PDB file of N, CA and C in Angstrom:
ATOM      1  N   UNK A   1      92.778 105.242  99.076  1.00  0.00           N
ATOM      2  CA  UNK A   1      91.760 105.122  97.572  1.00  0.00           C
ATOM      3  C   UNK A   1      92.229 103.864  97.737  1.00  0.00           C
ATOM      4  N   UNK A   2      91.528 103.265  97.002  1.00  0.00           N
ATOM      5  CA  UNK A   2      90.614 101.753  96.547  1.00  0.00           C
ATOM      6  C   UNK A   2      90.572 102.034  94.874  1.00  0.00           C
ATOM      7  N   UNK A   3      91.146 101.456  93.642  1.00  0.00           N
ATOM      8  CA  UNK A   3      91.502 102.117  92.745  1.00  0.00           C
ATOM      9  C   UNK A   3      90.045 100.576  92.284  1.00  0.00           C
ATOM     10  N   UNK A   4      90.204  99.333  92.879  1.00  0.00           N
ATOM     11  CA  UNK A   4      88.700  98.632  92.603  1.00  0.00           C
ATOM     12  C   UNK A   4      87.693  98.852  92.934  1.00  0.00           C
ATOM     13  N   UNK A   5      87.612 100.222  93.415  1.00  0.00           N
ATOM     14  CA  UNK A   5      86.142 100.506  94.285  1.00  0.00           C
ATOM     15  C   UNK A   5      85.278 101.091  93.254  1.00  0.00           C
ATOM     16  N   UNK A   6      86.665 101.895  92.226  1.00  0.00           N
ATOM     17  CA  UNK A   6      86.046 102.446  90.910  1.00  0.00           C
ATOM     18  C   UNK A   6      85.429 102.216  89.831  1.00  0.00           C
ATOM     19  N   UNK A   7      84.713 102.367  89.083  1.00  0.00           N
ATOM     20  CA  UNK A   7      84.041 101.617  87.890  1.00  0.00           C
ATOM     21  C   UNK A   7      85.324 101.589  87.161  1.00  0.00           C
ATOM     22  N   UNK A   8      85.801 102.865  86.553  1.00  0.00           N
ATOM     23  CA  UNK A   8      86.881 102.866  85.809  1.00  0.00           C
ATOM     24  C   UNK A   8      87.748 104.283  85.790  1.00  0.00           C
ATOM     25  N   UNK A   9      88.486 103.451  86.599  1.00  0.00           N
ATOM     26  CA  UNK A   9      90.264 104.255  87.144  1.00  0.00           C
ATOM     27  C   UNK A   9      90.396 105.428  86.182  1.00  0.00           C
ATOM     28  N   UNK A  10      90.415 106.405  86.104  1.00  0.00           N
ATOM     29  CA  UNK A  10      91.138 107.606  85.545  1.00  0.00           C
ATOM     30  C   UNK A  10      92.009 107.581  85.685  1.00  0.00           C
ATOM     31  N   UNK A  11      93.477 108.015  84.778  1.00  0.00           N
ATOM     32  CA  UNK A  11      94.945 108.276  84.685  1.00  0.00           C
ATOM     33  C   UNK A  11      95.519 108.760  85.807  1.00  0.00           C
ATOM     34  N   UNK A  12      94.708 110.172  86.083  1.00  0.00           N
ATOM     35  CA  UNK A  12      95.457 110.460  87.459  1.00  0.00           C
ATOM     36  C   UNK A  12      95.128 109.505  88.610  1.00  0.00           C
ATOM     37  N   UNK A  13      94.073 108.884  89.064  1.00  0.00           N
ATOM     38  CA  UNK A  13      94.192 107.646  90.008  1.00  0.00           C
ATOM     39  C   UNK A  13      95.085 106.475  89.949  1.00  0.00           C
ATOM     40  N   UNK A  14      95.501 105.970  88.959  1.00  0.00           N
ATOM     41  CA  UNK A  14      96.233 105.285  88.497  1.00  0.00           C
ATOM     42  C   UNK A  14      97.958 105.949  89.200  1.00  0.00           C
ATOM     43  N   UNK A  15      98.154 107.360  88.063  1.00  0.00           N
ATOM     44  CA  UNK A  15      99.205 107.565  88.800  1.00  0.00           C
ATOM     45  C   UNK A  15      99.142 108.162  90.124  1.00  0.00           C
ATOM     46  N   UNK A  16      98.323 108.900  90.634  1.00  0.00           N
ATOM     47  CA  UNK A  16      98.299 109.286  91.972  1.00  0.00           C
ATOM     48  C   UNK A  16      98.439 107.576  92.906  1.00  0.00           C
ATOM     49  N   UNK A  17      98.393 106.567  92.563  1.00  0.00           N
ATOM     50  CA  UNK A  17      98.726 105.370  93.667  1.00  0.00           C
ATOM     51  C   UNK A  17     100.262 104.569  93.093  1.00  0.00           C
ATOM     52  N   UNK A  18     100.361 104.858  92.037  1.00  0.00           N
ATOM     53  CA  UNK A  18     102.531 104.583  91.831  1.00  0.00           C
ATOM     54  C   UNK A  18     103.016 105.746  92.156  1.00  0.00           C
ATOM     55  N   UNK A  19     102.850 106.848  92.670  1.00  0.00           N
ATOM     56  CA  UNK A  19     103.197 107.723  92.905  1.00  0.00           C
ATOM     57  C   UNK A  19     103.559 107.534  94.657  1.00  0.00           C
ATOM     58  N   UNK A  20     102.738 106.922  95.215  1.00  0.00           N
ATOM     59  CA  UNK A  20     102.547 107.262  96.800  1.00  0.00           C
ATOM     60  C   UNK A  20     103.549 106.231  97.044  1.00  0.00           C
ATOM     61  N   UNK A  21     103.535 104.603  95.851  1.00  0.00           N
ATOM     62  CA  UNK A  21     105.134 104.133  96.498  1.00  0.00           C
ATOM     63  C   UNK A  21     105.867 104.535  95.804  1.00  0.00           C
ATOM     64  N   UNK A  22     106.274 105.435  95.138  1.00  0.00           N
ATOM     65  CA  UNK A  22     107.828 106.125  94.704  1.00  0.00           C
ATOM     66  C   UNK A  22     108.255 105.292  92.944  1.00  0.00           C
ATOM     67  N   UNK A  23     106.559 105.496  92.391  1.00  0.00           N
ATOM     68  CA  UNK A  23     106.956 105.033  90.561  1.00  0.00           C
ATOM     69  C   UNK A  23     106.348 106.183  90.181  1.00  0.00           C
ATOM     70  N   UNK A  24     106.939 106.395  89.386  1.00  0.00           N
ATOM     71  CA  UNK A  24     106.804 107.924  88.446  1.00  0.00           C
ATOM     72  C   UNK A  24     106.095 107.044  87.139  1.00  0.00           C
ATOM     73  N   UNK A  25     104.804 107.338  86.477  1.00  0.00           N
ATOM     74  CA  UNK A  25     104.354 106.588  85.697  1.00  0.00           C
ATOM     75  C   UNK A  25     104.507 107.446  84.206  1.00  0.00           C
ATOM     76  N   UNK A  26     104.490 106.447  83.363  1.00  0.00           N
ATOM     77  CA  UNK A  26     104.586 107.189  82.561  1.00  0.00           C
ATOM     78  C   UNK A  26     103.337 107.052  82.128  1.00  0.00           C
ATOM     79  N   UNK A  27     103.131 108.364  81.049  1.00  0.00           N
ATOM     80  CA  UNK A  27     101.262 108.920  80.643  1.00  0.00           C
ATOM     81  C   UNK A  27     100.900 108.153  78.991  1.00  0.00           C
ATOM     82  N   UNK A  28     101.794 107.819  78.981  1.00  0.00           N
ATOM     83  CA  UNK A  28     101.547 106.727  77.792  1.00  0.00           C
ATOM     84  C   UNK A  28     101.047 105.623  77.893  1.00  0.00           C
ATOM     85  N   UNK A  29     101.552 104.668  78.662  1.00  0.00           N
ATOM     86  CA  UNK A  29     101.521 103.633  79.175  1.00  0.00           C
ATOM     87  C   UNK A  29     100.420 103.150  79.680  1.00  0.00           C
ATOM     88  N   UNK A  30      99.821 104.613  81.433  1.00  0.00           N
ATOM     89  CA  UNK A  30      98.677 104.824  82.004  1.00  0.00           C
ATOM     90  C   UNK A  30      98.193 104.783  80.539  1.00  0.00           C
ATOM     91  N   UNK A  31      97.738 105.704  79.521  1.00  0.00           N
ATOM     92  CA  UNK A  31      96.749 105.526  79.054  1.00  0.00           C
ATOM     93  C   UNK A  31      95.861 104.598  78.643  1.00  0.00           C
ATOM     94  N   UNK A  32      97.073 103.382  78.384  1.00  0.00           N
ATOM     95  CA  UNK A  32      96.795 102.292  77.285  1.00  0.00           C
ATOM     96  C   UNK A  32      96.182 101.258  78.649  1.00  0.00           C
ATOM     97  N   UNK A  33      96.933 101.453  79.550  1.00  0.00           N
ATOM     98  CA  UNK A  33      96.598 100.164  80.727  1.00  0.00           C
ATOM     99  C   UNK A  33      94.943 100.976  80.845  1.00  0.00           C
ATOM    100  N   UNK A  34      94.300 102.256  80.831  1.00  0.00           N
ATOM    101  CA  UNK A  34      93.093 102.768  81.195  1.00  0.00           C
ATOM    102  C   UNK A  34      92.344 102.371  80.091  1.00  0.00           C
ATOM    103  N   UNK A  35      92.296 102.332  78.819  1.00  0.00           N
ATOM    104  CA  UNK A  35      91.860 101.881  77.790  1.00  0.00           C
ATOM    105  C   UNK A  35      91.585 100.443  77.785  1.00  0.00           C
ATOM    106  N   UNK A  36      92.789  99.147  78.207  1.00  0.00           N
ATOM    107  CA  UNK A  36      92.388  98.378  78.262  1.00  0.00           C
ATOM    108  C   UNK A  36      91.544  97.709  79.287  1.00  0.00           C
ATOM    109  N   UNK A  37      91.274  98.553  79.742  1.00  0.00           N
ATOM    110  CA  UNK A  37      90.710  97.960  81.257  1.00  0.00           C
ATOM    111  C   UNK A  37      89.339  98.701  80.818  1.00  0.00           C
ATOM    112  N   UNK A  38      88.978  99.413  80.104  1.00  0.00           N
ATOM    113  CA  UNK A  38      87.311 100.046  79.853  1.00  0.00           C
ATOM    114  C   UNK A  38      86.122  98.963  79.342  1.00  0.00           C
ATOM    115  N   UNK A  39      85.178  98.825  80.495  1.00  0.00           N
ATOM    116  CA  UNK A  39      84.091  97.893  79.934  1.00  0.00           C
ATOM    117  C   UNK A  39      84.442  96.503  80.161  1.00  0.00           C
ATOM    118  N   UNK A  40      85.645  95.866  81.158  1.00  0.00           N
ATOM    119  CA  UNK A  40      85.753  94.620  81.841  1.00  0.00           C
ATOM    120  C   UNK A  40      85.936  94.859  83.092  1.00  0.00           C
ATOM    121  N   UNK A  41      84.813  93.619  83.746  1.00  0.00           N
ATOM    122  CA  UNK A  41      85.068  93.407  85.195  1.00  0.00           C
ATOM    123  C   UNK A  41      86.135  93.023  85.928  1.00  0.00           C
ATOM    124  N   UNK A  42      86.739  93.290  86.909  1.00  0.00           N
ATOM    125  CA  UNK A  42      87.602  92.348  87.787  1.00  0.00           C
ATOM    126  C   UNK A  42      87.239  91.035  87.735  1.00  0.00           C
ATOM    127  N   UNK A  43      86.626  90.622  87.673  1.00  0.00           N
ATOM    128  CA  UNK A  43      86.513  88.770  87.610  1.00  0.00           C
ATOM    129  C   UNK A  43      87.033  88.845  86.230  1.00  0.00           C
ATOM    130  N   UNK A  44      86.577  89.593  85.409  1.00  0.00           N
ATOM    131  CA  UNK A  44      86.862  88.933  83.717  1.00  0.00           C
ATOM    132  C   UNK A  44      88.542  89.166  83.623  1.00  0.00           C
ATOM    133  N   UNK A  45      89.222  90.708  84.341  1.00  0.00           N
ATOM    134  CA  UNK A  45      90.736  90.477  83.839  1.00  0.00           C
ATOM    135  C   UNK A  45      91.373  89.406  84.381  1.00  0.00           C
ATOM    136  N   UNK A  46      90.520  88.718  85.784  1.00  0.00           N
ATOM    137  CA  UNK A  46      90.831  87.962  86.704  1.00  0.00           C
ATOM    138  C   UNK A  46      90.697  86.579  85.837  1.00  0.00           C
ATOM    139  N   UNK A  47      90.228  86.230  85.281  1.00  0.00           N
ATOM    140  CA  UNK A  47      89.992  85.067  84.623  1.00  0.00           C
ATOM    141  C   UNK A  47      90.413  84.927  83.364  1.00  0.00           C
ATOM    142  N   UNK A  48      90.953  85.860  82.798  1.00  0.00           N
ATOM    143  CA  UNK A  48      92.009  85.744  81.563  1.00  0.00           C
ATOM    144  C   UNK A  48      93.210  85.599  82.042  1.00  0.00           C
ATOM    145  N   UNK A  49      93.494  86.367  82.681  1.00  0.00           N
ATOM    146  CA  UNK A  49      95.101  86.443  83.126  1.00  0.00           C
ATOM    147  C   UNK A  49      95.352  85.418  83.688  1.00  0.00           C
ATOM    148  N   UNK A  50      94.279  84.542  84.736  1.00  0.00           N
ATOM    149  CA  UNK A  50      94.764  82.908  84.989  1.00  0.00           C
ATOM    150  C   UNK A  50      94.940  81.869  83.576  1.00  0.00           C
ATOM    151  N   UNK A  51      93.645  82.215  82.644  1.00  0.00           N
ATOM    152  CA  UNK A  51      94.212  81.131  81.322  1.00  0.00           C
ATOM    153  C   UNK A  51      95.632  81.457  81.026  1.00  0.00           C
ATOM    154  N   UNK A  52      96.053  82.583  81.097  1.00  0.00           N
ATOM    155  CA  UNK A  52      97.234  82.891  80.367  1.00  0.00           C
ATOM    156  C   UNK A  52      98.381  82.028  81.301  1.00  0.00           C
ATOM    157  N   UNK A  53      97.825  82.482  82.366  1.00  0.00           N
ATOM    158  CA  UNK A  53      99.146  81.839  83.348  1.00  0.00           C
ATOM    159  C   UNK A  53      99.555  80.202  83.885  1.00  0.00           C
ATOM    160  N   UNK A  54      98.351  79.849  82.950  1.00  0.00           N
ATOM    161  CA  UNK A  54      97.992  77.908  83.732  1.00  0.00           C
ATOM    162  C   UNK A  54      98.998  77.216  83.174  1.00  0.00           C
ATOM    163  N   UNK A  55      99.265  77.539  81.809  1.00  0.00           N
ATOM    164  CA  UNK A  55     100.116  76.709  80.998  1.00  0.00           C
ATOM    165  C   UNK A  55     101.733  76.983  81.948  1.00  0.00           C
ATOM    166  N   UNK A  56     102.265  77.276  82.952  1.00  0.00           N
ATOM    167  CA  UNK A  56     103.593  78.188  83.517  1.00  0.00           C
ATOM    168  C   UNK A  56     103.718  77.047  85.033  1.00  0.00           C
ATOM    169  N   UNK A  57     104.507  76.324  85.348  1.00  0.00           N
ATOM    170  CA  UNK A  57     104.664  75.549  86.455  1.00  0.00           C
ATOM    171  C   UNK A  57     105.061  76.984  87.690  1.00  0.00           C
ATOM    172  N   UNK A  58     104.738  75.933  88.392  1.00  0.00           N
ATOM    173  CA  UNK A  58     104.066  77.143  90.152  1.00  0.00           C
ATOM    174  C   UNK A  58     105.429  76.790  90.796  1.00  0.00           C
ATOM    175  N   UNK A  59     106.144  76.042  90.479  1.00  0.00           N
ATOM    176  CA  UNK A  59     107.077  75.173  91.220  1.00  0.00           C
ATOM    177  C   UNK A  59     108.891  75.233  91.268  1.00  0.00           C
ATOM    178  N   UNK A  60     108.862  76.566  90.679  1.00  0.00           N
ATOM    179  CA  UNK A  60     110.081  77.142  89.939  1.00  0.00           C
ATOM    180  C   UNK A  60     111.094  75.957  89.200  1.00  0.00           C
ATOM    181  N   UNK A  61     110.527  74.581  88.922  1.00  0.00           N
ATOM    182  CA  UNK A  61     111.432  74.032  88.307  1.00  0.00           C
ATOM    183  C   UNK A  61     111.898  74.699  86.516  1.00  0.00           C
ATOM    184  N   UNK A  62     111.268  75.261  86.300  1.00  0.00           N
ATOM    185  CA  UNK A  62     111.457  75.980  84.902  1.00  0.00           C
ATOM    186  C   UNK A  62     112.739  76.804  84.783  1.00  0.00           C
ATOM    187  N   UNK A  63     112.301  77.630  86.058  1.00  0.00           N
ATOM    188  CA  UNK A  63     113.474  78.907  86.187  1.00  0.00           C
ATOM    189  C   UNK A  63     114.508  78.144  86.295  1.00  0.00           C
ATOM    190  N   UNK A  64     114.736  77.185  87.221  1.00  0.00           N
ATOM    191  CA  UNK A  64     115.900  76.299  87.966  1.00  0.00           C
ATOM    192  C   UNK A  64     116.697  75.788  86.492  1.00  0.00           C
ATOM    193  N   UNK A  65     115.697  74.973  85.937  1.00  0.00           N
ATOM    194  CA  UNK A  65     116.409  74.206  84.372  1.00  0.00           C
ATOM    195  C   UNK A  65     116.853  75.637  83.622  1.00  0.00           C
ATOM    196  N   UNK A  66     116.171  76.648  83.489  1.00  0.00           N
ATOM    197  CA  UNK A  66     116.626  77.901  82.285  1.00  0.00           C
ATOM    198  C   UNK A  66     118.371  78.269  83.200  1.00  0.00           C
ATOM    199  N   UNK A  67     118.339  78.211  84.302  1.00  0.00           N
ATOM    200  CA  UNK A  67     119.551  78.495  84.777  1.00  0.00           C
ATOM    201  C   UNK A  67     120.349  78.213  84.677  1.00  0.00           C
ATOM    202  N   UNK A  68     120.266  76.860  85.086  1.00  0.00           N
ATOM    203  CA  UNK A  68     121.137  75.167  84.265  1.00  0.00           C
ATOM    204  C   UNK A  68     121.684  75.289  83.116  1.00  0.00           C
ATOM    205  N   UNK A  69     120.655  75.659  82.381  1.00  0.00           N
ATOM    206  CA  UNK A  69     120.758  75.807  81.100  1.00  0.00           C
ATOM    207  C   UNK A  69     122.001  77.208  81.101  1.00  0.00           C
ATOM    208  N   UNK A  70     121.498  78.036  81.158  1.00  0.00           N
ATOM    209  CA  UNK A  70     122.480  79.172  80.853  1.00  0.00           C
ATOM    210  C   UNK A  70     123.250  78.985  81.165  1.00  0.00           C
ATOM    211  N   UNK A  71     123.573  78.547  82.535  1.00  0.00           N
ATOM    212  CA  UNK A  71     125.492  78.194  82.825  1.00  0.00           C
ATOM    213  C   UNK A  71     126.529  77.771  82.445  1.00  0.00           C
ATOM    214  N   UNK A  72     125.662  76.143  81.265  1.00  0.00           N
ATOM    215  CA  UNK A  72     126.771  75.575  80.708  1.00  0.00           C
ATOM    216  C   UNK A  72     127.399  76.241  79.418  1.00  0.00           C
TER     217      UNK A  72
END
């Protein structure tokens, strides 16, 4: 089953996918996800997340610096 093929995935759709890989779904959180996805296209979601992550370094330097600082 491919969730991306569904116009609007339902709670049971998401719970089925999660349970297929051994994850027990929290119905409240699944409901929140379904509500947040309503009316949004995959392209819109990707663009939004890309903008949110664009400020993060991709080479791991920030993680290394944080780990070094933590070990002081």
